[in-house]
PDB file of all heavy atoms in Angstrom:
ATOM      1  N   SER A   1     -77.430-140.425 102.603  1.00  0.00           N
ATOM      2  CA  SER A   1     -78.569-140.825 103.336  1.00  0.00           C
ATOM      3  C   SER A   1     -79.067-139.929 104.457  1.00  0.00           C
ATOM      4  O   SER A   1     -80.091-140.245 105.106  1.00  0.00           O
ATOM      5  CB  SER A   1     -78.330-142.202 103.851  1.00  0.00           C
ATOM      6  OG  SER A   1     -77.502-142.162 104.990  1.00  0.00           O
ATOM      7  N   HIS A   2     -78.388-138.902 104.731  1.00  0.00           N
ATOM      8  CA  HIS A   2     -78.735-137.899 105.741  1.00  0.00           C
ATOM      9  C   HIS A   2     -78.807-138.467 107.141  1.00  0.00           C
ATOM     10  O   HIS A   2     -79.779-138.325 107.892  1.00  0.00           O
ATOM     11  CB  HIS A   2     -80.023-137.151 105.295  1.00  0.00           C
ATOM     12  CG  HIS A   2     -79.947-136.561 103.905  1.00  0.00           C
ATOM     13  ND1 HIS A   2     -79.432-135.322 103.700  1.00  0.00           N
ATOM     14  CD2 HIS A   2     -80.284-137.027 102.760  1.00  0.00           C
ATOM     15  CE1 HIS A   2     -79.513-135.035 102.392  1.00  0.00           C
ATOM     16  NE2 HIS A   2     -80.040-136.056 101.782  1.00  0.00           N
ATOM     17  N   GLY A   3     -77.854-139.363 107.352  1.00  0.00           N
ATOM     18  CA  GLY A   3     -77.782-140.048 108.632  1.00  0.00           C
ATOM     19  C   GLY A   3     -78.639-141.255 108.857  1.00  0.00           C
ATOM     20  O   GLY A   3     -78.761-141.748 109.973  1.00  0.00           O
ATOM     21  N   ARG A   4     -79.110-141.715 107.742  1.00  0.00           N
ATOM     22  CA  ARG A   4     -80.147-142.948 107.950  1.00  0.00           C
ATOM     23  C   ARG A   4     -79.546-144.245 107.572  1.00  0.00           C
ATOM     24  O   ARG A   4     -80.091-145.261 107.880  1.00  0.00           O
ATOM     25  CB  ARG A   4     -81.322-142.622 106.939  1.00  0.00           C
ATOM     26  CG  ARG A   4     -82.097-141.396 107.473  1.00  0.00           C
ATOM     27  CD  ARG A   4     -83.161-140.852 106.492  1.00  0.00           C
ATOM     28  NE  ARG A   4     -83.895-139.782 107.136  1.00  0.00           N
ATOM     29  CZ  ARG A   4     -85.132-139.639 107.141  1.00  0.00           C
ATOM     30  NH1 ARG A   4     -85.986-140.482 106.571  1.00  0.00           N
ATOM     31  NH2 ARG A   4     -85.710-138.630 107.751  1.00  0.00           N
ATOM     32  N   GLN A   5     -78.469-144.303 106.893  1.00  0.00           N
ATOM     33  CA  GLN A   5     -77.807-145.588 106.514  1.00  0.00           C
ATOM     34  C   GLN A   5     -76.401-145.769 106.999  1.00  0.00           C
ATOM     35  O   GLN A   5     -75.690-144.721 107.274  1.00  0.00           O
ATOM     36  CB  GLN A   5     -77.836-145.784 104.941  1.00  0.00           C
ATOM     37  CG  GLN A   5     -79.156-145.960 104.380  1.00  0.00           C
ATOM     38  CD  GLN A   5     -79.198-146.877 103.173  1.00  0.00           C
ATOM     39  OE1 GLN A   5     -79.250-148.082 103.340  1.00  0.00           O
ATOM     40  NE2 GLN A   5     -79.085-146.427 102.038  1.00  0.00           N
ATOM     41  N   MET A   6     -75.906-146.946 107.002  1.00  0.00           N
ATOM     42  CA  MET A   6     -74.621-147.253 107.277  1.00  0.00           C
ATOM     43  C   MET A   6     -73.549-146.596 106.360  1.00  0.00           C
ATOM     44  O   MET A   6     -73.971-146.272 105.238  1.00  0.00           O
ATOM     45  CB  MET A   6     -74.307-148.769 107.447  1.00  0.00           C
ATOM     46  CG  MET A   6     -75.228-149.498 108.290  1.00  0.00           C
ATOM     47  SD  MET A   6     -75.168-151.277 107.745  1.00  0.00           S
ATOM     48  CE  MET A   6     -74.251-151.872 109.138  1.00  0.00           C
ATOM     49  N   PRO A   7     -72.257-146.381 106.754  1.00  0.00           N
ATOM     50  CA  PRO A   7     -71.340-146.016 105.738  1.00  0.00           C
ATOM     51  C   PRO A   7     -71.176-146.970 104.618  1.00  0.00           C
ATOM     52  O   PRO A   7     -71.526-148.047 104.734  1.00  0.00           O
ATOM     53  CB  PRO A   7     -70.050-145.860 106.533  1.00  0.00           C
ATOM     54  CG  PRO A   7     -70.181-146.636 107.857  1.00  0.00           C
ATOM     55  CD  PRO A   7     -71.757-146.603 108.161  1.00  0.00           C
ATOM     56  N   ALA A   8     -70.664-146.398 103.544  1.00  0.00           N
ATOM     57  CA  ALA A   8     -70.474-147.233 102.313  1.00  0.00           C
ATOM     58  C   ALA A   8     -71.864-147.560 101.608  1.00  0.00           C
ATOM     59  O   ALA A   8     -71.811-148.489 100.840  1.00  0.00           O
ATOM     60  CB  ALA A   8     -69.704-148.504 102.539  1.00  0.00           C
ATOM     61  N   HIS A   9     -72.885-146.900 101.932  1.00  0.00           N
ATOM     62  CA  HIS A   9     -74.247-147.040 101.210  1.00  0.00           C
ATOM     63  C   HIS A   9     -74.310-145.789 100.409  1.00  0.00           C
ATOM     64  O   HIS A   9     -74.937-144.793 100.868  1.00  0.00           O
ATOM     65  CB  HIS A   9     -75.304-147.240 102.206  1.00  0.00           C
ATOM     66  CG  HIS A   9     -75.290-148.534 102.962  1.00  0.00           C
ATOM     67  ND1 HIS A   9     -74.262-149.066 103.604  1.00  0.00           N
ATOM     68  CD2 HIS A   9     -76.302-149.533 102.924  1.00  0.00           C
ATOM     69  CE1 HIS A   9     -74.520-150.275 104.153  1.00  0.00           C
ATOM     70  NE2 HIS A   9     -75.702-150.513 103.731  1.00  0.00           N
ATOM     71  N   TRP A  10     -73.901-145.912  99.201  1.00  0.00           N
ATOM     72  CA  TRP A  10     -73.599-144.720  98.427  1.00  0.00           C
ATOM     73  C   TRP A  10     -74.921-144.156  97.817  1.00  0.00           C
ATOM     74  O   TRP A  10     -75.878-144.806  97.787  1.00  0.00           O
ATOM     75  CB  TRP A  10     -72.646-145.039  97.218  1.00  0.00           C
ATOM     76  CG  TRP A  10     -71.460-145.920  97.718  1.00  0.00           C
ATOM     77  CD1 TRP A  10     -71.161-147.059  97.302  1.00  0.00           C
ATOM     78  CD2 TRP A  10     -70.407-145.431  98.717  1.00  0.00           C
ATOM     79  NE1 TRP A  10     -69.979-147.503  97.925  1.00  0.00           N
ATOM     80  CE2 TRP A  10     -69.591-146.509  98.716  1.00  0.00           C
ATOM     81  CE3 TRP A  10     -70.255-144.241  99.434  1.00  0.00           C
ATOM     82  CZ2 TRP A  10     -68.463-146.455  99.601  1.00  0.00           C
ATOM     83  CZ3 TRP A  10     -69.139-144.264 100.196  1.00  0.00           C
ATOM     84  CH2 TRP A  10     -68.240-145.352 100.366  1.00  0.00           C
ATOM     85  N   GLY A  11     -74.809-142.847  97.451  1.00  0.00           N
ATOM     86  CA  GLY A  11     -75.899-142.225  96.859  1.00  0.00           C
ATOM     87  C   GLY A  11     -75.568-140.671  96.788  1.00  0.00           C
ATOM     88  O   GLY A  11     -75.067-140.092  97.626  1.00  0.00           O
ATOM     89  N   ASN A  12     -75.889-140.054  95.648  1.00  0.00           N
ATOM     90  CA  ASN A  12     -75.702-138.613  95.551  1.00  0.00           C
ATOM     91  C   ASN A  12     -76.557-138.175  94.334  1.00  0.00           C
ATOM     92  O   ASN A  12     -76.322-138.492  93.156  1.00  0.00           O
ATOM     93  CB  ASN A  12     -74.274-138.296  95.254  1.00  0.00           C
ATOM     94  CG  ASN A  12     -73.950-136.752  95.261  1.00  0.00           C
ATOM     95  OD1 ASN A  12     -74.559-136.069  94.448  1.00  0.00           O
ATOM     96  ND2 ASN A  12     -73.171-136.337  96.318  1.00  0.00           N
ATOM     97  N   VAL A  13     -77.674-137.470  94.691  1.00  0.00           N
ATOM     98  CA  VAL A  13     -78.697-137.185  93.693  1.00  0.00           C
ATOM     99  C   VAL A  13     -78.045-136.166  92.560  1.00  0.00           C
ATOM    100  O   VAL A  13     -78.533-136.183  91.450  1.00  0.00           O
ATOM    101  CB  VAL A  13     -79.907-136.528  94.319  1.00  0.00           C
ATOM    102  CG1 VAL A  13     -79.640-135.163  94.921  1.00  0.00           C
ATOM    103  CG2 VAL A  13     -81.113-136.471  93.321  1.00  0.00           C
ATOM    104  N   ASN A  14     -77.118-135.439  92.966  1.00  0.00           N
ATOM    105  CA  ASN A  14     -76.573-134.502  91.955  1.00  0.00           C
ATOM    106  C   ASN A  14     -75.528-135.127  91.025  1.00  0.00           C
ATOM    107  O   ASN A  14     -75.196-134.623  89.920  1.00  0.00           O
ATOM    108  CB  ASN A  14     -75.881-133.351  92.748  1.00  0.00           C
ATOM    109  CG  ASN A  14     -76.799-132.547  93.558  1.00  0.00           C
ATOM    110  OD1 ASN A  14     -77.816-132.170  93.097  1.00  0.00           O
ATOM    111  ND2 ASN A  14     -76.426-132.176  94.806  1.00  0.00           N
ATOM    112  N   LEU A  15     -75.073-136.298  91.392  1.00  0.00           N
ATOM    113  CA  LEU A  15     -74.077-137.035  90.527  1.00  0.00           C
ATOM    114  C   LEU A  15     -74.681-138.300  89.873  1.00  0.00           C
ATOM    115  O   LEU A  15     -73.995-139.030  89.171  1.00  0.00           O
ATOM    116  CB  LEU A  15     -72.843-137.401  91.360  1.00  0.00           C
ATOM    117  CG  LEU A  15     -72.015-136.320  92.039  1.00  0.00           C
ATOM    118  CD1 LEU A  15     -71.024-136.919  92.932  1.00  0.00           C
ATOM    119  CD2 LEU A  15     -71.398-135.426  90.960  1.00  0.00           C
ATOM    120  N   ASN A  16     -76.059-138.492  89.931  1.00  0.00           N
ATOM    121  CA  ASN A  16     -76.737-139.577  89.438  1.00  0.00           C
ATOM    122  C   ASN A  16     -76.211-140.896  90.079  1.00  0.00           C
ATOM    123  O   ASN A  16     -76.195-141.958  89.420  1.00  0.00           O
ATOM    124  CB  ASN A  16     -76.544-139.759  87.971  1.00  0.00           C
ATOM    125  CG  ASN A  16     -77.304-138.688  87.218  1.00  0.00           C
ATOM    126  OD1 ASN A  16     -78.116-137.826  87.845  1.00  0.00           O
ATOM    127  ND2 ASN A  16     -77.144-138.492  85.944  1.00  0.00           N
ATOM    128  N   ILE A  17     -75.756-140.828  91.328  1.00  0.00           N
ATOM    129  CA  ILE A  17     -75.492-142.051  92.066  1.00  0.00           C
ATOM    130  C   ILE A  17     -76.715-142.416  92.886  1.00  0.00           C
ATOM    131  O   ILE A  17     -77.100-141.724  93.828  1.00  0.00           O
ATOM    132  CB  ILE A  17     -74.266-141.828  93.010  1.00  0.00           C
ATOM    133  CG1 ILE A  17     -73.017-141.301  92.310  1.00  0.00           C
ATOM    134  CG2 ILE A  17     -73.947-143.152  93.738  1.00  0.00           C
ATOM    135  CD1 ILE A  17     -71.924-140.933  93.107  1.00  0.00           C
ATOM    136  N   VAL A  18     -77.392-143.495  92.415  1.00  0.00           N
ATOM    137  CA  VAL A  18     -78.639-143.910  93.001  1.00  0.00           C
ATOM    138  C   VAL A  18     -78.488-144.475  94.371  1.00  0.00           C
ATOM    139  O   VAL A  18     -77.583-145.230  94.668  1.00  0.00           O
ATOM    140  CB  VAL A  18     -79.390-144.897  92.036  1.00  0.00           C
ATOM    141  CG1 VAL A  18     -80.668-145.474  92.684  1.00  0.00           C
ATOM    142  CG2 VAL A  18     -79.628-144.220  90.683  1.00  0.00           C
ATOM    143  N   THR A  19     -79.420-144.120  95.303  1.00  0.00           N
ATOM    144  CA  THR A  19     -79.310-144.638  96.694  1.00  0.00           C
ATOM    145  C   THR A  19     -79.356-146.153  96.695  1.00  0.00           C
ATOM    146  O   THR A  19     -80.129-146.722  96.049  1.00  0.00           O
ATOM    147  CB  THR A  19     -80.548-144.119  97.492  1.00  0.00           C
ATOM    148  OG1 THR A  19     -80.546-144.741  98.779  1.00  0.00           O
ATOM    149  CG2 THR A  19     -81.893-144.447  96.750  1.00  0.00           C
ATOM    150  N   LYS A  20     -78.421-146.675  97.446  1.00  0.00           N
ATOM    151  CA  LYS A  20     -78.192-148.211  97.545  1.00  0.00           C
ATOM    152  C   LYS A  20     -78.525-148.660  98.958  1.00  0.00           C
ATOM    153  O   LYS A  20     -78.123-148.095  99.915  1.00  0.00           O
ATOM    154  CB  LYS A  20     -76.767-148.512  97.173  1.00  0.00           C
ATOM    155  CG  LYS A  20     -76.413-149.961  97.162  1.00  0.00           C
ATOM    156  CD  LYS A  20     -77.169-150.691  96.064  1.00  0.00           C
ATOM    157  CE  LYS A  20     -76.862-152.257  96.096  1.00  0.00           C
ATOM    158  NZ  LYS A  20     -77.563-152.976  97.177  1.00  0.00           N
ATOM    159  N   SER A  21     -79.203-149.770  98.984  1.00  0.00           N
ATOM    160  CA  SER A  21     -79.551-150.360 100.305  1.00  0.00           C
ATOM    161  C   SER A  21     -78.452-151.282 100.644  1.00  0.00           C
ATOM    162  O   SER A  21     -77.461-151.573  99.901  1.00  0.00           O
ATOM    163  CB  SER A  21     -80.846-151.200 100.142  1.00  0.00           C
ATOM    164  OG  SER A  21     -80.724-152.338  99.368  1.00  0.00           O
ATOM    165  N   SER A  22     -78.605-152.142 101.700  1.00  0.00           N
ATOM    166  CA  SER A  22     -77.628-153.137 102.077  1.00  0.00           C
ATOM    167  C   SER A  22     -77.822-154.499 101.369  1.00  0.00           C
ATOM    168  O   SER A  22     -77.093-155.316 101.490  1.00  0.00           O
ATOM    169  CB  SER A  22     -77.860-153.388 103.640  1.00  0.00           C
ATOM    170  OG  SER A  22     -77.409-152.258 104.387  1.00  0.00           O
ATOM    171  N   CYS A  23     -78.997-154.575 100.719  1.00  0.00           N
ATOM    172  CA  CYS A  23     -79.315-155.928 100.114  1.00  0.00           C
ATOM    173  C   CYS A  23     -78.331-156.215  98.943  1.00  0.00           C
ATOM    174  O   CYS A  23     -78.054-155.332  98.133  1.00  0.00           O
ATOM    175  CB  CYS A  23     -80.686-155.869  99.515  1.00  0.00           C
ATOM    176  SG  CYS A  23     -81.971-155.312 100.678  1.00  0.00           S
ATOM    177  N   THR A  24     -77.975-157.481  98.969  1.00  0.00           N
ATOM    178  CA  THR A  24     -76.906-157.890  97.873  1.00  0.00           C
ATOM    179  C   THR A  24     -77.855-158.438  96.687  1.00  0.00           C
ATOM    180  O   THR A  24     -78.549-159.452  96.910  1.00  0.00           O
ATOM    181  CB  THR A  24     -76.030-158.957  98.458  1.00  0.00           C
ATOM    182  OG1 THR A  24     -76.741-160.057  98.904  1.00  0.00           O
ATOM    183  CG2 THR A  24     -75.089-158.348  99.441  1.00  0.00           C
TER     184      THR A  24
END
């Protein structure tokens, strides 16, 4: 998140890990 989200909010564009929000 480049410093924009809390830890454990996963995302990695190179690994196809889609950015995740805090919403359940």
